[in-house]
PDB file of N, CA and C in Angstrom:
ATOM      1  N   UNK A   1    -177.960 -20.166-122.866  1.00  0.00           N
ATOM      2  CA  UNK A   1    -178.309 -19.511-124.104  1.00  0.00           C
ATOM      3  C   UNK A   1    -179.732 -19.873-124.597  1.00  0.00           C
ATOM      4  N   UNK A   2    -180.442 -18.851-124.983  1.00  0.00           N
ATOM      5  CA  UNK A   2    -181.767 -19.017-125.463  1.00  0.00           C
ATOM      6  C   UNK A   2    -181.815 -19.305-126.984  1.00  0.00           C
ATOM      7  N   UNK A   3    -182.579 -20.279-127.393  1.00  0.00           N
ATOM      8  CA  UNK A   3    -182.759 -20.599-128.793  1.00  0.00           C
ATOM      9  C   UNK A   3    -184.100 -20.045-129.297  1.00  0.00           C
ATOM     10  N   UNK A   4    -184.013 -19.351-130.404  1.00  0.00           N
ATOM     11  CA  UNK A   4    -185.222 -18.621-130.993  1.00  0.00           C
ATOM     12  C   UNK A   4    -185.619 -19.367-132.272  1.00  0.00           C
ATOM     13  N   UNK A   5    -186.863 -19.523-132.465  1.00  0.00           N
ATOM     14  CA  UNK A   5    -187.406 -20.152-133.701  1.00  0.00           C
ATOM     15  C   UNK A   5    -188.642 -19.520-134.205  1.00  0.00           C
ATOM     16  N   UNK A   6    -188.693 -19.277-135.501  1.00  0.00           N
ATOM     17  CA  UNK A   6    -189.895 -18.557-136.058  1.00  0.00           C
ATOM     18  C   UNK A   6    -190.637 -19.684-136.857  1.00  0.00           C
ATOM     19  N   UNK A   7    -191.799 -19.981-136.201  1.00  0.00           N
ATOM     20  CA  UNK A   7    -192.571 -21.096-136.707  1.00  0.00           C
ATOM     21  C   UNK A   7    -193.289 -20.781-138.096  1.00  0.00           C
ATOM     22  N   UNK A   8    -193.665 -21.723-138.843  1.00  0.00           N
ATOM     23  CA  UNK A   8    -194.325 -21.462-140.110  1.00  0.00           C
ATOM     24  C   UNK A   8    -195.659 -20.638-140.003  1.00  0.00           C
ATOM     25  N   UNK A   9    -196.298 -20.846-138.913  1.00  0.00           N
ATOM     26  CA  UNK A   9    -197.531 -20.019-138.663  1.00  0.00           C
ATOM     27  C   UNK A   9    -197.200 -18.527-138.472  1.00  0.00           C
ATOM     28  N   UNK A  10    -196.040 -18.223-137.876  1.00  0.00           N
ATOM     29  CA  UNK A  10    -195.550 -16.873-137.667  1.00  0.00           C
ATOM     30  C   UNK A  10    -195.244 -16.300-139.115  1.00  0.00           C
ATOM     31  N   UNK A  11    -194.516 -17.049-139.911  1.00  0.00           N
ATOM     32  CA  UNK A  11    -194.125 -16.499-141.175  1.00  0.00           C
ATOM     33  C   UNK A  11    -195.347 -16.286-142.075  1.00  0.00           C
ATOM     34  N   UNK A  12    -196.418 -17.163-141.957  1.00  0.00           N
ATOM     35  CA  UNK A  12    -197.560 -17.019-142.769  1.00  0.00           C
ATOM     36  C   UNK A  12    -198.342 -15.711-142.350  1.00  0.00           C
ATOM     37  N   UNK A  13    -198.515 -15.624-141.015  1.00  0.00           N
ATOM     38  CA  UNK A  13    -199.166 -14.365-140.497  1.00  0.00           C
ATOM     39  C   UNK A  13    -198.479 -13.130-140.863  1.00  0.00           C
ATOM     40  N   UNK A  14    -197.144 -13.175-140.913  1.00  0.00           N
ATOM     41  CA  UNK A  14    -196.374 -11.950-141.215  1.00  0.00           C
ATOM     42  C   UNK A  14    -196.586 -11.678-142.735  1.00  0.00           C
ATOM     43  N   UNK A  15    -196.669 -12.640-143.568  1.00  0.00           N
ATOM     44  CA  UNK A  15    -196.868 -12.452-144.999  1.00  0.00           C
ATOM     45  C   UNK A  15    -198.139 -11.703-145.430  1.00  0.00           C
ATOM     46  N   UNK A  16    -199.151 -11.932-144.518  1.00  0.00           N
ATOM     47  CA  UNK A  16    -200.438 -11.330-144.799  1.00  0.00           C
ATOM     48  C   UNK A  16    -200.564  -9.815-144.378  1.00  0.00           C
ATOM     49  N   UNK A  17    -199.527  -9.271-143.803  1.00  0.00           N
ATOM     50  CA  UNK A  17    -199.486  -7.899-143.281  1.00  0.00           C
ATOM     51  C   UNK A  17    -198.915  -7.010-144.414  1.00  0.00           C
ATOM     52  N   UNK A  18    -199.321  -5.646-144.332  1.00  0.00           N
ATOM     53  CA  UNK A  18    -198.672  -4.710-145.192  1.00  0.00           C
ATOM     54  C   UNK A  18    -197.144  -4.503-144.875  1.00  0.00           C
ATOM     55  N   UNK A  19    -196.449  -4.090-145.814  1.00  0.00           N
ATOM     56  CA  UNK A  19    -194.953  -4.013-145.706  1.00  0.00           C
ATOM     57  C   UNK A  19    -194.573  -3.217-144.502  1.00  0.00           C
ATOM     58  N   UNK A  20    -195.294  -2.036-144.184  1.00  0.00           N
ATOM     59  CA  UNK A  20    -195.012  -1.182-143.031  1.00  0.00           C
ATOM     60  C   UNK A  20    -195.078  -1.999-141.757  1.00  0.00           C
ATOM     61  N   UNK A  21    -196.117  -2.729-141.614  1.00  0.00           N
ATOM     62  CA  UNK A  21    -196.391  -3.565-140.453  1.00  0.00           C
ATOM     63  C   UNK A  21    -195.518  -4.663-140.251  1.00  0.00           C
ATOM     64  N   UNK A  22    -194.956  -5.348-141.503  1.00  0.00           N
ATOM     65  CA  UNK A  22    -194.033  -6.361-141.437  1.00  0.00           C
ATOM     66  C   UNK A  22    -192.724  -5.912-140.812  1.00  0.00           C
ATOM     67  N   UNK A  23    -192.298  -4.707-141.270  1.00  0.00           N
ATOM     68  CA  UNK A  23    -191.073  -4.114-140.830  1.00  0.00           C
ATOM     69  C   UNK A  23    -191.115  -3.887-139.321  1.00  0.00           C
ATOM     70  N   UNK A  24    -192.211  -3.338-138.877  1.00  0.00           N
ATOM     71  CA  UNK A  24    -192.328  -3.065-137.456  1.00  0.00           C
ATOM     72  C   UNK A  24    -192.317  -4.350-136.590  1.00  0.00           C
ATOM     73  N   UNK A  25    -193.054  -5.373-137.034  1.00  0.00           N
ATOM     74  CA  UNK A  25    -193.008  -6.632-136.362  1.00  0.00           C
ATOM     75  C   UNK A  25    -191.603  -7.262-136.269  1.00  0.00           C
ATOM     76  N   UNK A  26    -190.928  -7.182-137.497  1.00  0.00           N
ATOM     77  CA  UNK A  26    -189.491  -7.745-137.437  1.00  0.00           C
ATOM     78  C   UNK A  26    -188.660  -6.894-136.475  1.00  0.00           C
ATOM     79  N   UNK A  27    -188.744  -5.616-136.439  1.00  0.00           N
ATOM     80  CA  UNK A  27    -187.978  -4.821-135.575  1.00  0.00           C
ATOM     81  C   UNK A  27    -188.347  -5.189-133.977  1.00  0.00           C
ATOM     82  N   UNK A  28    -189.627  -5.374-133.823  1.00  0.00           N
ATOM     83  CA  UNK A  28    -190.020  -5.761-132.400  1.00  0.00           C
ATOM     84  C   UNK A  28    -189.330  -7.052-132.045  1.00  0.00           C
ATOM     85  N   UNK A  29    -189.461  -8.081-132.960  1.00  0.00           N
ATOM     86  CA  UNK A  29    -188.788  -9.391-132.705  1.00  0.00           C
ATOM     87  C   UNK A  29    -187.309  -9.239-132.409  1.00  0.00           C
ATOM     88  N   UNK A  30    -186.636  -8.407-133.162  1.00  0.00           N
ATOM     89  CA  UNK A  30    -185.154  -8.149-132.997  1.00  0.00           C
ATOM     90  C   UNK A  30    -184.902  -7.572-131.681  1.00  0.00           C
ATOM     91  N   UNK A  31    -185.702  -6.590-131.258  1.00  0.00           N
ATOM     92  CA  UNK A  31    -185.603  -5.958-129.905  1.00  0.00           C
ATOM     93  C   UNK A  31    -185.758  -6.990-128.831  1.00  0.00           C
ATOM     94  N   UNK A  32    -186.826  -7.855-129.039  1.00  0.00           N
ATOM     95  CA  UNK A  32    -187.037  -8.865-127.961  1.00  0.00           C
ATOM     96  C   UNK A  32    -185.828  -9.851-127.769  1.00  0.00           C
ATOM     97  N   UNK A  33    -185.341 -10.211-128.886  1.00  0.00           N
ATOM     98  CA  UNK A  33    -184.152 -11.151-128.912  1.00  0.00           C
ATOM     99  C   UNK A  33    -183.011 -10.486-128.283  1.00  0.00           C
ATOM    100  N   UNK A  34    -182.726  -9.233-128.540  1.00  0.00           N
ATOM    101  CA  UNK A  34    -181.595  -8.492-127.858  1.00  0.00           C
ATOM    102  C   UNK A  34    -181.891  -8.414-126.347  1.00  0.00           C
ATOM    103  N   UNK A  35    -183.033  -8.172-125.932  1.00  0.00           N
ATOM    104  CA  UNK A  35    -183.415  -8.039-124.527  1.00  0.00           C
ATOM    105  C   UNK A  35    -183.195  -9.399-123.811  1.00  0.00           C
ATOM    106  N   UNK A  36    -183.776 -10.454-124.395  1.00  0.00           N
ATOM    107  CA  UNK A  36    -183.699 -11.776-123.818  1.00  0.00           C
ATOM    108  C   UNK A  36    -182.252 -12.452-123.866  1.00  0.00           C
ATOM    109  N   UNK A  37    -181.398 -11.884-124.774  1.00  0.00           N
ATOM    110  CA  UNK A  37    -180.110 -12.329-124.866  1.00  0.00           C
ATOM    111  C   UNK A  37    -179.135 -11.555-123.963  1.00  0.00           C
ATOM    112  N   UNK A  38    -179.695 -10.540-123.229  1.00  0.00           N
ATOM    113  CA  UNK A  38    -178.964  -9.766-122.382  1.00  0.00           C
ATOM    114  C   UNK A  38    -178.128  -8.628-123.004  1.00  0.00           C
ATOM    115  N   UNK A  39    -178.416  -8.315-124.201  1.00  0.00           N
ATOM    116  CA  UNK A  39    -177.695  -7.275-124.975  1.00  0.00           C
ATOM    117  C   UNK A  39    -178.154  -5.965-124.837  1.00  0.00           C
ATOM    118  N   UNK A  40    -179.519  -5.811-124.356  1.00  0.00           N
ATOM    119  CA  UNK A  40    -180.079  -4.495-124.117  1.00  0.00           C
ATOM    120  C   UNK A  40    -181.197  -4.649-123.200  1.00  0.00           C
ATOM    121  N   UNK A  41    -181.693  -3.483-122.755  1.00  0.00           N
ATOM    122  CA  UNK A  41    -182.849  -3.370-121.815  1.00  0.00           C
ATOM    123  C   UNK A  41    -184.199  -3.318-122.622  1.00  0.00           C
ATOM    124  N   UNK A  42    -185.253  -3.574-122.046  1.00  0.00           N
ATOM    125  CA  UNK A  42    -186.508  -3.551-122.720  1.00  0.00           C
ATOM    126  C   UNK A  42    -186.817  -1.959-123.009  1.00  0.00           C
ATOM    127  N   UNK A  43    -186.998  -1.707-124.249  1.00  0.00           N
ATOM    128  CA  UNK A  43    -187.234  -0.260-124.694  1.00  0.00           C
ATOM    129  C   UNK A  43    -188.653   0.138-124.428  1.00  0.00           C
ATOM    130  N   UNK A  44    -188.669   1.492-124.218  1.00  0.00           N
ATOM    131  CA  UNK A  44    -190.011   2.090-123.967  1.00  0.00           C
ATOM    132  C   UNK A  44    -190.895   1.902-125.189  1.00  0.00           C
ATOM    133  N   UNK A  45    -192.120   1.523-125.026  1.00  0.00           N
ATOM    134  CA  UNK A  45    -192.986   1.369-126.144  1.00  0.00           C
ATOM    135  C   UNK A  45    -193.134   0.000-126.547  1.00  0.00           C
ATOM    136  N   UNK A  46    -192.328  -0.959-126.026  1.00  0.00           N
ATOM    137  CA  UNK A  46    -192.356  -2.335-126.472  1.00  0.00           C
ATOM    138  C   UNK A  46    -192.945  -3.055-125.238  1.00  0.00           C
ATOM    139  N   UNK A  47    -194.273  -3.406-125.309  1.00  0.00           N
ATOM    140  CA  UNK A  47    -194.902  -4.051-124.144  1.00  0.00           C
ATOM    141  C   UNK A  47    -194.669  -5.615-124.170  1.00  0.00           C
ATOM    142  N   UNK A  48    -194.295  -6.103-122.983  1.00  0.00           N
ATOM    143  CA  UNK A  48    -194.057  -7.572-122.851  1.00  0.00           C
ATOM    144  C   UNK A  48    -195.047  -7.999-121.763  1.00  0.00           C
ATOM    145  N   UNK A  49    -195.901  -9.029-122.092  1.00  0.00           N
ATOM    146  CA  UNK A  49    -196.886  -9.530-121.179  1.00  0.00           C
ATOM    147  C   UNK A  49    -197.008 -11.039-121.243  1.00  0.00           C
ATOM    148  N   UNK A  50    -197.197 -11.610-120.048  1.00  0.00           N
ATOM    149  CA  UNK A  50    -197.416 -13.105-120.046  1.00  0.00           C
ATOM    150  C   UNK A  50    -198.965 -13.264-120.110  1.00  0.00           C
ATOM    151  N   UNK A  51    -199.448 -14.080-121.007  1.00  0.00           N
ATOM    152  CA  UNK A  51    -200.875 -14.308-121.158  1.00  0.00           C
ATOM    153  C   UNK A  51    -201.267 -15.566-120.494  1.00  0.00           C
ATOM    154  N   UNK A  52    -200.572 -16.620-120.670  1.00  0.00           N
ATOM    155  CA  UNK A  52    -200.777 -17.926-120.018  1.00  0.00           C
ATOM    156  C   UNK A  52    -199.427 -18.479-119.465  1.00  0.00           C
ATOM    157  N   UNK A  53    -199.435 -19.633-118.990  1.00  0.00           N
ATOM    158  CA  UNK A  53    -198.345 -20.138-118.413  1.00  0.00           C
ATOM    159  C   UNK A  53    -197.103 -20.145-119.379  1.00  0.00           C
ATOM    160  N   UNK A  54    -197.059 -20.521-120.598  1.00  0.00           N
ATOM    161  CA  UNK A  54    -195.877 -20.536-121.503  1.00  0.00           C
ATOM    162  C   UNK A  54    -196.067 -19.494-122.568  1.00  0.00           C
ATOM    163  N   UNK A  55    -197.189 -18.853-122.595  1.00  0.00           N
ATOM    164  CA  UNK A  55    -197.599 -17.980-123.724  1.00  0.00           C
ATOM    165  C   UNK A  55    -197.432 -16.557-123.346  1.00  0.00           C
ATOM    166  N   UNK A  56    -196.702 -15.842-124.219  1.00  0.00           N
ATOM    167  CA  UNK A  56    -196.373 -14.344-123.971  1.00  0.00           C
ATOM    168  C   UNK A  56    -196.744 -13.518-125.231  1.00  0.00           C
ATOM    169  N   UNK A  57    -196.791 -12.283-125.078  1.00  0.00           N
ATOM    170  CA  UNK A  57    -196.928 -11.492-126.318  1.00  0.00           C
ATOM    171  C   UNK A  57    -196.101 -10.197-126.058  1.00  0.00           C
ATOM    172  N   UNK A  58    -195.597  -9.657-127.156  1.00  0.00           N
ATOM    173  CA  UNK A  58    -195.036  -8.329-127.174  1.00  0.00           C
ATOM    174  C   UNK A  58    -195.916  -7.448-128.084  1.00  0.00           C
ATOM    175  N   UNK A  59    -195.881  -6.274-127.812  1.00  0.00           N
ATOM    176  CA  UNK A  59    -196.744  -5.367-128.686  1.00  0.00           C
ATOM    177  C   UNK A  59    -196.077  -4.020-128.843  1.00  0.00           C
ATOM    178  N   UNK A  60    -196.239  -3.544-129.934  1.00  0.00           N
ATOM    179  CA  UNK A  60    -195.674  -2.101-130.234  1.00  0.00           C
ATOM    180  C   UNK A  60    -197.014  -1.361-130.638  1.00  0.00           C
ATOM    181  N   UNK A  61    -197.414  -0.537-129.760  1.00  0.00           N
ATOM    182  CA  UNK A  61    -198.610   0.225-130.063  1.00  0.00           C
ATOM    183  C   UNK A  61    -199.888  -0.675-129.796  1.00  0.00           C
ATOM    184  N   UNK A  62    -200.993  -0.236-130.286  1.00  0.00           N
ATOM    185  CA  UNK A  62    -202.252  -0.946-129.982  1.00  0.00           C
ATOM    186  C   UNK A  62    -202.573  -2.001-130.969  1.00  0.00           C
ATOM    187  N   UNK A  63    -201.950  -1.912-132.260  1.00  0.00           N
ATOM    188  CA  UNK A  63    -202.409  -2.843-133.328  1.00  0.00           C
ATOM    189  C   UNK A  63    -201.499  -4.002-133.472  1.00  0.00           C
ATOM    190  N   UNK A  64    -200.266  -3.910-133.345  1.00  0.00           N
ATOM    191  CA  UNK A  64    -199.304  -4.925-133.633  1.00  0.00           C
ATOM    192  C   UNK A  64    -198.922  -5.781-132.427  1.00  0.00           C
ATOM    193  N   UNK A  65    -199.149  -7.126-132.599  1.00  0.00           N
ATOM    194  CA  UNK A  65    -198.865  -7.940-131.471  1.00  0.00           C
ATOM    195  C   UNK A  65    -198.114  -9.233-132.011  1.00  0.00           C
ATOM    196  N   UNK A  66    -197.284  -9.748-131.203  1.00  0.00           N
ATOM    197  CA  UNK A  66    -196.557 -10.910-131.539  1.00  0.00           C
ATOM    198  C   UNK A  66    -196.702 -11.981-130.451  1.00  0.00           C
ATOM    199  N   UNK A  67    -197.287 -13.060-130.700  1.00  0.00           N
ATOM    200  CA  UNK A  67    -197.450 -14.185-129.827  1.00  0.00           C
ATOM    201  C   UNK A  67    -196.218 -15.102-129.892  1.00  0.00           C
ATOM    202  N   UNK A  68    -195.699 -15.456-128.713  1.00  0.00           N
ATOM    203  CA  UNK A  68    -194.627 -16.468-128.655  1.00  0.00           C
ATOM    204  C   UNK A  68    -194.811 -17.374-127.405  1.00  0.00           C
ATOM    205  N   UNK A  69    -194.185 -18.519-127.534  1.00  0.00           N
ATOM    206  CA  UNK A  69    -194.198 -19.531-126.492  1.00  0.00           C
ATOM    207  C   UNK A  69    -192.818 -19.630-125.926  1.00  0.00           C
ATOM    208  N   UNK A  70    -192.767 -19.440-124.658  1.00  0.00           N
ATOM    209  CA  UNK A  70    -191.407 -19.384-123.977  1.00  0.00           C
ATOM    210  C   UNK A  70    -191.401 -20.544-122.993  1.00  0.00           C
ATOM    211  N   UNK A  71    -190.518 -21.521-123.278  1.00  0.00           N
ATOM    212  CA  UNK A  71    -190.368 -22.709-122.483  1.00  0.00           C
ATOM    213  C   UNK A  71    -188.876 -22.916-122.214  1.00  0.00           C
ATOM    214  N   UNK A  72    -188.468 -22.890-121.000  1.00  0.00           N
ATOM    215  CA  UNK A  72    -187.036 -23.077-120.595  1.00  0.00           C
ATOM    216  C   UNK A  72    -186.142 -22.072-121.456  1.00  0.00           C
ATOM    217  N   UNK A  73    -185.367 -22.640-122.274  1.00  0.00           N
ATOM    218  CA  UNK A  73    -184.451 -21.804-123.056  1.00  0.00           C
ATOM    219  C   UNK A  73    -184.837 -21.726-124.580  1.00  0.00           C
ATOM    220  N   UNK A  74    -186.074 -21.986-124.751  1.00  0.00           N
ATOM    221  CA  UNK A  74    -186.613 -21.953-126.134  1.00  0.00           C
ATOM    222  C   UNK A  74    -187.770 -20.970-126.298  1.00  0.00           C
ATOM    223  N   UNK A  75    -187.732 -20.170-127.326  1.00  0.00           N
ATOM    224  CA  UNK A  75    -188.736 -19.244-127.696  1.00  0.00           C
ATOM    225  C   UNK A  75    -189.154 -19.468-129.077  1.00  0.00           C
ATOM    226  N   UNK A  76    -190.519 -19.711-129.239  1.00  0.00           N
ATOM    227  CA  UNK A  76    -191.012 -20.045-130.537  1.00  0.00           C
ATOM    228  C   UNK A  76    -191.978 -18.818-130.914  1.00  0.00           C
ATOM    229  N   UNK A  77    -191.664 -18.047-131.946  1.00  0.00           N
ATOM    230  CA  UNK A  77    -192.540 -17.073-132.410  1.00  0.00           C
ATOM    231  C   UNK A  77    -193.652 -17.702-133.189  1.00  0.00           C
ATOM    232  N   UNK A  78    -194.951 -17.568-132.785  1.00  0.00           N
ATOM    233  CA  UNK A  78    -195.967 -18.307-133.379  1.00  0.00           C
ATOM    234  C   UNK A  78    -196.961 -17.503-134.278  1.00  0.00           C
ATOM    235  N   UNK A  79    -197.321 -16.281-133.872  1.00  0.00           N
ATOM    236  CA  UNK A  79    -198.271 -15.524-134.635  1.00  0.00           C
ATOM    237  C   UNK A  79    -197.956 -14.046-134.541  1.00  0.00           C
ATOM    238  N   UNK A  80    -198.212 -13.300-135.565  1.00  0.00           N
ATOM    239  CA  UNK A  80    -198.182 -11.816-135.610  1.00  0.00           C
ATOM    240  C   UNK A  80    -199.490 -11.412-136.104  1.00  0.00           C
ATOM    241  N   UNK A  81    -200.033 -10.416-135.323  1.00  0.00           N
ATOM    242  CA  UNK A  81    -201.441  -9.944-135.684  1.00  0.00           C
ATOM    243  C   UNK A  81    -201.890  -8.913-134.762  1.00  0.00           C
ATOM    244  N   UNK A  82    -203.241  -8.740-134.753  1.00  0.00           N
ATOM    245  CA  UNK A  82    -203.955  -7.862-133.843  1.00  0.00           C
ATOM    246  C   UNK A  82    -204.466  -8.509-132.686  1.00  0.00           C
ATOM    247  N   UNK A  83    -205.061  -7.772-131.765  1.00  0.00           N
ATOM    248  CA  UNK A  83    -205.595  -8.284-130.477  1.00  0.00           C
ATOM    249  C   UNK A  83    -206.494  -9.429-130.741  1.00  0.00           C
ATOM    250  N   UNK A  84    -207.506  -9.206-131.582  1.00  0.00           N
ATOM    251  CA  UNK A  84    -208.465 -10.199-131.858  1.00  0.00           C
ATOM    252  C   UNK A  84    -207.892 -11.490-132.443  1.00  0.00           C
ATOM    253  N   UNK A  85    -206.960 -11.407-133.286  1.00  0.00           N
ATOM    254  CA  UNK A  85    -206.334 -12.665-133.872  1.00  0.00           C
ATOM    255  C   UNK A  85    -205.606 -13.352-132.790  1.00  0.00           C
ATOM    256  N   UNK A  86    -204.908 -12.704-131.929  1.00  0.00           N
ATOM    257  CA  UNK A  86    -204.157 -13.357-130.750  1.00  0.00           C
ATOM    258  C   UNK A  86    -205.157 -14.040-129.942  1.00  0.00           C
ATOM    259  N   UNK A  87    -206.280 -13.385-129.611  1.00  0.00           N
ATOM    260  CA  UNK A  87    -207.355 -13.941-128.689  1.00  0.00           C
ATOM    261  C   UNK A  87    -207.952 -15.098-129.312  1.00  0.00           C
ATOM    262  N   UNK A  88    -208.253 -15.054-130.597  1.00  0.00           N
ATOM    263  CA  UNK A  88    -208.846 -16.306-131.278  1.00  0.00           C
ATOM    264  C   UNK A  88    -207.882 -17.497-131.249  1.00  0.00           C
ATOM    265  N   UNK A  89    -206.651 -17.269-131.542  1.00  0.00           N
ATOM    266  CA  UNK A  89    -205.624 -18.357-131.476  1.00  0.00           C
ATOM    267  C   UNK A  89    -205.588 -18.926-130.152  1.00  0.00           C
ATOM    268  N   UNK A  90    -205.476 -18.123-129.099  1.00  0.00           N
ATOM    269  CA  UNK A  90    -205.368 -18.746-127.701  1.00  0.00           C
ATOM    270  C   UNK A  90    -206.650 -19.552-127.257  1.00  0.00           C
ATOM    271  N   UNK A  91    -207.810 -19.172-127.811  1.00  0.00           N
ATOM    272  CA  UNK A  91    -209.026 -19.970-127.457  1.00  0.00           C
ATOM    273  C   UNK A  91    -208.965 -21.321-128.068  1.00  0.00           C
ATOM    274  N   UNK A  92    -208.278 -21.453-129.239  1.00  0.00           N
ATOM    275  CA  UNK A  92    -208.107 -22.751-129.903  1.00  0.00           C
ATOM    276  C   UNK A  92    -207.201 -23.809-129.168  1.00  0.00           C
ATOM    277  N   UNK A  93    -206.286 -23.247-128.346  1.00  0.00           N
ATOM    278  CA  UNK A  93    -205.265 -24.090-127.741  1.00  0.00           C
ATOM    279  C   UNK A  93    -205.706 -24.521-126.368  1.00  0.00           C
TER     280      UNK A  93
END
């Protein structure tokens, strides 16, 4: 069974987004959780990509991206934002 955690950095980044974007991000996270839990297949329009060894992103369209760390059976949602914000974050680690 996979354990999912929303880090404080994710919650903070989510709070800075407009309500419309927040809802889309939350929906994307819910879809990913369903996929990784084996309850559904990856839906068209939800991109899943490995960026580095443990670092992955999902994206819905061109603007909204969600960065998460996937280690063994643990997934930590770390950041919600655009391409540039994700890129800046990854440069720091």
